[in-house]
């Protein structure tokens, strides 16, 4: 959760500006709605130390790992 919050806080002001959102709580909610799935996928499939034995990480790797299909 700490990693996810760091990403949100790092990009929140830009998100507020681009989405024309004045309220911080609304901006956090909007950011999570727009990008939360991507943050979770990247964390679970690439960063988490327990990913090799985690059912969620394994399922995300099989069903939606965006990085494995990246064009070079």
PDB file of N, CA and C in Angstrom:
ATOM      1  N   UNK A   1       0.817  -1.190   0.000  1.00  0.00           N
ATOM      2  CA  UNK A   1       0.000   0.000   0.000  1.00  0.00           C
ATOM      3  C   UNK A   1       0.868   1.264   0.000  1.00  0.00           C
ATOM      4  N   UNK A   2       2.011   1.205   0.670  1.00  0.00           N
ATOM      5  CA  UNK A   2       2.900   2.360   0.722  1.00  0.00           C
ATOM      6  C   UNK A   2       3.363   2.754  -0.683  1.00  0.00           C
ATOM      7  N   UNK A   3       3.733   1.771  -1.485  1.00  0.00           N
ATOM      8  CA  UNK A   3       4.194   2.045  -2.849  1.00  0.00           C
ATOM      9  C   UNK A   3       3.086   2.686  -3.673  1.00  0.00           C
ATOM     10  N   UNK A   4       1.881   2.166  -3.558  1.00  0.00           N
ATOM     11  CA  UNK A   4       0.754   2.713  -4.306  1.00  0.00           C
ATOM     12  C   UNK A   4       0.492   4.170  -3.921  1.00  0.00           C
ATOM     13  N   UNK A   5       0.532   4.465  -2.615  1.00  0.00           N
ATOM     14  CA  UNK A   5       0.284   5.823  -2.152  1.00  0.00           C
ATOM     15  C   UNK A   5       1.389   6.774  -2.622  1.00  0.00           C
ATOM     16  N   UNK A   6       2.616   6.300  -2.676  1.00  0.00           N
ATOM     17  CA  UNK A   6       3.711   7.136  -3.177  1.00  0.00           C
ATOM     18  C   UNK A   6       3.475   7.521  -4.629  1.00  0.00           C
ATOM     19  N   UNK A   7       3.003   6.581  -5.436  1.00  0.00           N
ATOM     20  CA  UNK A   7       2.717   6.858  -6.843  1.00  0.00           C
ATOM     21  C   UNK A   7       1.587   7.877  -6.951  1.00  0.00           C
ATOM     22  N   UNK A   8       0.533   7.685  -6.180  1.00  0.00           N
ATOM     23  CA  UNK A   8      -0.598   8.611  -6.227  1.00  0.00           C
ATOM     24  C   UNK A   8      -0.147  10.019  -5.849  1.00  0.00           C
ATOM     25  N   UNK A   9       0.558  10.145  -4.733  1.00  0.00           N
ATOM     26  CA  UNK A   9       0.989  11.475  -4.287  1.00  0.00           C
ATOM     27  C   UNK A   9       1.956  12.131  -5.268  1.00  0.00           C
ATOM     28  N   UNK A  10       2.785  11.346  -5.900  1.00  0.00           N
ATOM     29  CA  UNK A  10       3.743  11.883  -6.867  1.00  0.00           C
ATOM     30  C   UNK A  10       3.036  12.516  -8.066  1.00  0.00           C
ATOM     31  N   UNK A  11       1.925  11.928  -8.484  1.00  0.00           N
ATOM     32  CA  UNK A  11       1.249  12.363  -9.712  1.00  0.00           C
ATOM     33  C   UNK A  11      -0.080  13.076  -9.470  1.00  0.00           C
ATOM     34  N   UNK A  12      -0.463  13.284  -8.231  1.00  0.00           N
ATOM     35  CA  UNK A  12      -1.791  13.810  -7.927  1.00  0.00           C
ATOM     36  C   UNK A  12      -1.994  15.234  -8.446  1.00  0.00           C
ATOM     37  N   UNK A  13      -1.036  16.121  -8.251  1.00  0.00           N
ATOM     38  CA  UNK A  13      -1.213  17.503  -8.716  1.00  0.00           C
ATOM     39  C   UNK A  13      -1.401  17.569 -10.225  1.00  0.00           C
ATOM     40  N   UNK A  14      -0.622  16.792 -10.951  1.00  0.00           N
ATOM     41  CA  UNK A  14      -0.775  16.759 -12.406  1.00  0.00           C
ATOM     42  C   UNK A  14      -2.145  16.200 -12.796  1.00  0.00           C
ATOM     43  N   UNK A  15      -2.569  15.150 -12.095  1.00  0.00           N
ATOM     44  CA  UNK A  15      -3.885  14.561 -12.367  1.00  0.00           C
ATOM     45  C   UNK A  15      -4.994  15.583 -12.101  1.00  0.00           C
ATOM     46  N   UNK A  16      -4.878  16.307 -10.994  1.00  0.00           N
ATOM     47  CA  UNK A  16      -5.867  17.343 -10.664  1.00  0.00           C
ATOM     48  C   UNK A  16      -5.929  18.384 -11.774  1.00  0.00           C
ATOM     49  N   UNK A  17      -4.782  18.813 -12.240  1.00  0.00           N
ATOM     50  CA  UNK A  17      -4.725  19.827 -13.290  1.00  0.00           C
ATOM     51  C   UNK A  17      -5.332  19.302 -14.599  1.00  0.00           C
ATOM     52  N   UNK A  18      -4.900  18.126 -15.022  1.00  0.00           N
ATOM     53  CA  UNK A  18      -5.365  17.580 -16.298  1.00  0.00           C
ATOM     54  C   UNK A  18      -6.845  17.233 -16.302  1.00  0.00           C
ATOM     55  N   UNK A  19      -7.371  16.839 -15.144  1.00  0.00           N
ATOM     56  CA  UNK A  19      -8.790  16.478 -15.047  1.00  0.00           C
ATOM     57  C   UNK A  19      -9.655  17.643 -14.554  1.00  0.00           C
ATOM     58  N   UNK A  20      -8.995  18.776 -14.300  1.00  0.00           N
ATOM     59  CA  UNK A  20      -9.684  19.973 -13.805  1.00  0.00           C
ATOM     60  C   UNK A  20     -10.474  19.667 -12.524  1.00  0.00           C
ATOM     61  N   UNK A  21      -9.777  19.072 -11.567  1.00  0.00           N
ATOM     62  CA  UNK A  21     -10.361  18.700 -10.283  1.00  0.00           C
ATOM     63  C   UNK A  21      -9.718  19.569  -9.209  1.00  0.00           C
ATOM     64  N   UNK A  22     -10.533  20.244  -8.413  1.00  0.00           N
ATOM     65  CA  UNK A  22     -10.010  21.111  -7.371  1.00  0.00           C
ATOM     66  C   UNK A  22      -9.845  20.438  -6.026  1.00  0.00           C
ATOM     67  N   UNK A  23     -10.693  19.475  -5.733  1.00  0.00           N
ATOM     68  CA  UNK A  23     -10.708  18.814  -4.432  1.00  0.00           C
ATOM     69  C   UNK A  23      -9.727  17.639  -4.390  1.00  0.00           C
ATOM     70  N   UNK A  24      -8.894  17.599  -3.341  1.00  0.00           N
ATOM     71  CA  UNK A  24      -7.878  16.550  -3.236  1.00  0.00           C
ATOM     72  C   UNK A  24      -8.503  15.161  -3.120  1.00  0.00           C
ATOM     73  N   UNK A  25      -9.521  15.015  -2.283  1.00  0.00           N
ATOM     74  CA  UNK A  25     -10.154  13.697  -2.109  1.00  0.00           C
ATOM     75  C   UNK A  25     -10.801  13.210  -3.404  1.00  0.00           C
ATOM     76  N   UNK A  26     -11.424  14.097  -4.122  1.00  0.00           N
ATOM     77  CA  UNK A  26     -12.019  13.736  -5.415  1.00  0.00           C
ATOM     78  C   UNK A  26     -10.928  13.329  -6.413  1.00  0.00           C
ATOM     79  N   UNK A  27      -9.797  14.035  -6.353  1.00  0.00           N
ATOM     80  CA  UNK A  27      -8.680  13.713  -7.253  1.00  0.00           C
ATOM     81  C   UNK A  27      -8.093  12.345  -6.937  1.00  0.00           C
ATOM     82  N   UNK A  28      -7.959  12.015  -5.647  1.00  0.00           N
ATOM     83  CA  UNK A  28      -7.445  10.699  -5.255  1.00  0.00           C
ATOM     84  C   UNK A  28      -8.396   9.611  -5.748  1.00  0.00           C
ATOM     85  N   UNK A  29      -9.674   9.825  -5.536  1.00  0.00           N
ATOM     86  CA  UNK A  29     -10.679   8.849  -5.990  1.00  0.00           C
ATOM     87  C   UNK A  29     -10.628   8.673  -7.508  1.00  0.00           C
ATOM     88  N   UNK A  30     -10.512   9.770  -8.221  1.00  0.00           N
ATOM     89  CA  UNK A  30     -10.434   9.723  -9.680  1.00  0.00           C
ATOM     90  C   UNK A  30      -9.171   9.002 -10.153  1.00  0.00           C
ATOM     91  N   UNK A  31      -8.048   9.287  -9.501  1.00  0.00           N
ATOM     92  CA  UNK A  31      -6.779   8.655  -9.863  1.00  0.00           C
ATOM     93  C   UNK A  31      -6.864   7.150  -9.658  1.00  0.00           C
ATOM     94  N   UNK A  32      -7.398   6.736  -8.506  1.00  0.00           N
ATOM     95  CA  UNK A  32      -7.537   5.301  -8.224  1.00  0.00           C
ATOM     96  C   UNK A  32      -8.463   4.644  -9.236  1.00  0.00           C
ATOM     97  N   UNK A  33      -9.549   5.312  -9.567  1.00  0.00           N
ATOM     98  CA  UNK A  33     -10.484   4.770 -10.559  1.00  0.00           C
ATOM     99  C   UNK A  33      -9.804   4.612 -11.915  1.00  0.00           C
ATOM    100  N   UNK A  34      -9.013   5.617 -12.308  1.00  0.00           N
ATOM    101  CA  UNK A  34      -8.372   5.594 -13.623  1.00  0.00           C
ATOM    102  C   UNK A  34      -7.158   4.675 -13.704  1.00  0.00           C
ATOM    103  N   UNK A  35      -6.347   4.633 -12.632  1.00  0.00           N
ATOM    104  CA  UNK A  35      -5.056   3.953 -12.707  1.00  0.00           C
ATOM    105  C   UNK A  35      -4.808   2.883 -11.649  1.00  0.00           C
ATOM    106  N   UNK A  36      -5.735   2.705 -10.732  1.00  0.00           N
ATOM    107  CA  UNK A  36      -5.530   1.747  -9.649  1.00  0.00           C
ATOM    108  C   UNK A  36      -5.252   0.334 -10.132  1.00  0.00           C
ATOM    109  N   UNK A  37      -5.949  -0.087 -11.155  1.00  0.00           N
ATOM    110  CA  UNK A  37      -5.755  -1.440 -11.690  1.00  0.00           C
ATOM    111  C   UNK A  37      -4.333  -1.619 -12.206  1.00  0.00           C
ATOM    112  N   UNK A  38      -3.795  -0.574 -12.824  1.00  0.00           N
ATOM    113  CA  UNK A  38      -2.446  -0.654 -13.380  1.00  0.00           C
ATOM    114  C   UNK A  38      -1.389  -0.671 -12.274  1.00  0.00           C
ATOM    115  N   UNK A  39      -1.590   0.148 -11.265  1.00  0.00           N
ATOM    116  CA  UNK A  39      -0.667   0.162 -10.134  1.00  0.00           C
ATOM    117  C   UNK A  39      -0.648  -1.205  -9.459  1.00  0.00           C
ATOM    118  N   UNK A  40      -1.836  -1.782  -9.264  1.00  0.00           N
ATOM    119  CA  UNK A  40      -1.908  -3.097  -8.615  1.00  0.00           C
ATOM    120  C   UNK A  40      -1.219  -4.157  -9.464  1.00  0.00           C
ATOM    121  N   UNK A  41      -1.485  -4.150 -10.756  1.00  0.00           N
ATOM    122  CA  UNK A  41      -0.874  -5.156 -11.625  1.00  0.00           C
ATOM    123  C   UNK A  41       0.646  -5.055 -11.604  1.00  0.00           C
ATOM    124  N   UNK A  42       1.167  -3.857 -11.730  1.00  0.00           N
ATOM    125  CA  UNK A  42       2.620  -3.685 -11.728  1.00  0.00           C
ATOM    126  C   UNK A  42       3.231  -4.085 -10.395  1.00  0.00           C
ATOM    127  N   UNK A  43       2.600  -3.680  -9.308  1.00  0.00           N
ATOM    128  CA  UNK A  43       3.132  -4.036  -7.999  1.00  0.00           C
ATOM    129  C   UNK A  43       3.084  -5.551  -7.785  1.00  0.00           C
ATOM    130  N   UNK A  44       1.925  -6.133  -8.031  1.00  0.00           N
ATOM    131  CA  UNK A  44       1.759  -7.569  -7.753  1.00  0.00           C
ATOM    132  C   UNK A  44       2.609  -8.453  -8.651  1.00  0.00           C
ATOM    133  N   UNK A  45       2.765  -8.086  -9.902  1.00  0.00           N
ATOM    134  CA  UNK A  45       3.467  -8.965 -10.837  1.00  0.00           C
ATOM    135  C   UNK A  45       4.949  -8.650 -11.005  1.00  0.00           C
ATOM    136  N   UNK A  46       5.408  -7.496 -10.514  1.00  0.00           N
ATOM    137  CA  UNK A  46       6.803  -7.105 -10.738  1.00  0.00           C
ATOM    138  C   UNK A  46       7.570  -6.713  -9.487  1.00  0.00           C
ATOM    139  N   UNK A  47       6.899  -6.241  -8.436  1.00  0.00           N
ATOM    140  CA  UNK A  47       7.602  -5.671  -7.297  1.00  0.00           C
ATOM    141  C   UNK A  47       7.484  -6.520  -6.032  1.00  0.00           C
ATOM    142  N   UNK A  48       6.297  -6.990  -5.740  1.00  0.00           N
ATOM    143  CA  UNK A  48       6.045  -7.701  -4.485  1.00  0.00           C
ATOM    144  C   UNK A  48       6.962  -8.918  -4.337  1.00  0.00           C
ATOM    145  N   UNK A  49       7.598  -9.018  -3.191  1.00  0.00           N
ATOM    146  CA  UNK A  49       8.520 -10.131  -2.942  1.00  0.00           C
ATOM    147  C   UNK A  49       7.800 -11.471  -2.792  1.00  0.00           C
ATOM    148  N   UNK A  50       6.507 -11.454  -2.511  1.00  0.00           N
ATOM    149  CA  UNK A  50       5.734 -12.684  -2.321  1.00  0.00           C
ATOM    150  C   UNK A  50       4.995 -13.107  -3.588  1.00  0.00           C
ATOM    151  N   UNK A  51       5.294 -12.463  -4.720  1.00  0.00           N
ATOM    152  CA  UNK A  51       4.527 -12.706  -5.948  1.00  0.00           C
ATOM    153  C   UNK A  51       4.614 -14.135  -6.468  1.00  0.00           C
ATOM    154  N   UNK A  52       5.714 -14.831  -6.228  1.00  0.00           N
ATOM    155  CA  UNK A  52       5.865 -16.180  -6.777  1.00  0.00           C
ATOM    156  C   UNK A  52       4.908 -17.181  -6.130  1.00  0.00           C
ATOM    157  N   UNK A  53       4.457 -16.905  -4.929  1.00  0.00           N
ATOM    158  CA  UNK A  53       3.522 -17.802  -4.271  1.00  0.00           C
ATOM    159  C   UNK A  53       2.140 -17.219  -4.068  1.00  0.00           C
ATOM    160  N   UNK A  54       1.859 -16.131  -4.741  1.00  0.00           N
ATOM    161  CA  UNK A  54       0.589 -15.416  -4.544  1.00  0.00           C
ATOM    162  C   UNK A  54      -0.386 -15.722  -5.680  1.00  0.00           C
ATOM    163  N   UNK A  55      -1.562 -16.206  -5.329  1.00  0.00           N
ATOM    164  CA  UNK A  55      -2.573 -16.535  -6.335  1.00  0.00           C
ATOM    165  C   UNK A  55      -2.989 -15.307  -7.144  1.00  0.00           C
ATOM    166  N   UNK A  56      -3.110 -14.163  -6.474  1.00  0.00           N
ATOM    167  CA  UNK A  56      -3.527 -12.943  -7.174  1.00  0.00           C
ATOM    168  C   UNK A  56      -2.468 -12.535  -8.197  1.00  0.00           C
ATOM    169  N   UNK A  57      -1.213 -12.535  -7.792  1.00  0.00           N
ATOM    170  CA  UNK A  57      -0.132 -12.157  -8.711  1.00  0.00           C
ATOM    171  C   UNK A  57      -0.049 -13.123  -9.883  1.00  0.00           C
ATOM    172  N   UNK A  58      -0.211 -14.398  -9.620  1.00  0.00           N
ATOM    173  CA  UNK A  58      -0.144 -15.385 -10.709  1.00  0.00           C
ATOM    174  C   UNK A  58      -1.295 -15.186 -11.683  1.00  0.00           C
ATOM    175  N   UNK A  59      -2.487 -14.897 -11.166  1.00  0.00           N
ATOM    176  CA  UNK A  59      -3.641 -14.680 -12.036  1.00  0.00           C
ATOM    177  C   UNK A  59      -3.457 -13.405 -12.867  1.00  0.00           C
ATOM    178  N   UNK A  60      -2.963 -12.346 -12.238  1.00  0.00           N
ATOM    179  CA  UNK A  60      -2.705 -11.107 -12.983  1.00  0.00           C
ATOM    180  C   UNK A  60      -1.659 -11.335 -14.071  1.00  0.00           C
ATOM    181  N   UNK A  61      -0.663 -12.130 -13.787  1.00  0.00           N
ATOM    182  CA  UNK A  61       0.370 -12.414 -14.783  1.00  0.00           C
ATOM    183  C   UNK A  61      -0.196 -13.162 -15.981  1.00  0.00           C
ATOM    184  N   UNK A  62      -1.117 -14.082 -15.721  1.00  0.00           N
ATOM    185  CA  UNK A  62      -1.710 -14.873 -16.813  1.00  0.00           C
ATOM    186  C   UNK A  62      -2.721 -14.069 -17.612  1.00  0.00           C
ATOM    187  N   UNK A  63      -3.521 -13.247 -16.937  1.00  0.00           N
ATOM    188  CA  UNK A  63      -4.667 -12.645 -17.592  1.00  0.00           C
ATOM    189  C   UNK A  63      -4.470 -11.219 -18.082  1.00  0.00           C
ATOM    190  N   UNK A  64      -3.491 -10.499 -17.561  1.00  0.00           N
ATOM    191  CA  UNK A  64      -3.433  -9.105 -17.970  1.00  0.00           C
ATOM    192  C   UNK A  64      -2.106  -8.436 -17.794  1.00  0.00           C
ATOM    193  N   UNK A  65      -1.045  -9.141 -17.970  1.00  0.00           N
ATOM    194  CA  UNK A  65       0.265  -8.548 -17.811  1.00  0.00           C
ATOM    195  C   UNK A  65       0.585  -7.708 -19.040  1.00  0.00           C
ATOM    196  N   UNK A  66       0.392  -6.412 -18.930  1.00  0.00           N
ATOM    197  CA  UNK A  66       0.592  -5.525 -20.062  1.00  0.00           C
ATOM    198  C   UNK A  66       2.047  -5.448 -20.506  1.00  0.00           C
ATOM    199  N   UNK A  67       2.963  -5.641 -19.587  1.00  0.00           N
ATOM    200  CA  UNK A  67       4.378  -5.500 -19.927  1.00  0.00           C
ATOM    201  C   UNK A  67       4.899  -6.632 -20.800  1.00  0.00           C
ATOM    202  N   UNK A  68       4.319  -7.811 -20.706  1.00  0.00           N
ATOM    203  CA  UNK A  68       4.829  -8.938 -21.492  1.00  0.00           C
ATOM    204  C   UNK A  68       4.521  -8.787 -22.979  1.00  0.00           C
ATOM    205  N   UNK A  69       3.522  -8.015 -23.311  1.00  0.00           N
ATOM    206  CA  UNK A  69       3.152  -7.829 -24.714  1.00  0.00           C
ATOM    207  C   UNK A  69       3.593  -6.476 -25.259  1.00  0.00           C
ATOM    208  N   UNK A  70       4.479  -5.820 -24.563  1.00  0.00           N
ATOM    209  CA  UNK A  70       4.941  -4.494 -24.948  1.00  0.00           C
ATOM    210  C   UNK A  70       5.741  -4.571 -26.243  1.00  0.00           C
ATOM    211  N   UNK A  71       5.476  -3.638 -27.137  1.00  0.00           N
ATOM    212  CA  UNK A  71       6.240  -3.580 -28.389  1.00  0.00           C
ATOM    213  C   UNK A  71       7.590  -2.967 -28.113  1.00  0.00           C
ATOM    214  N   UNK A  72       8.601  -3.501 -28.760  1.00  0.00           N
ATOM    215  CA  UNK A  72       9.973  -2.991 -28.576  1.00  0.00           C
ATOM    216  C   UNK A  72      10.403  -2.187 -29.765  1.00  0.00           C
TER     217      UNK A  72
END
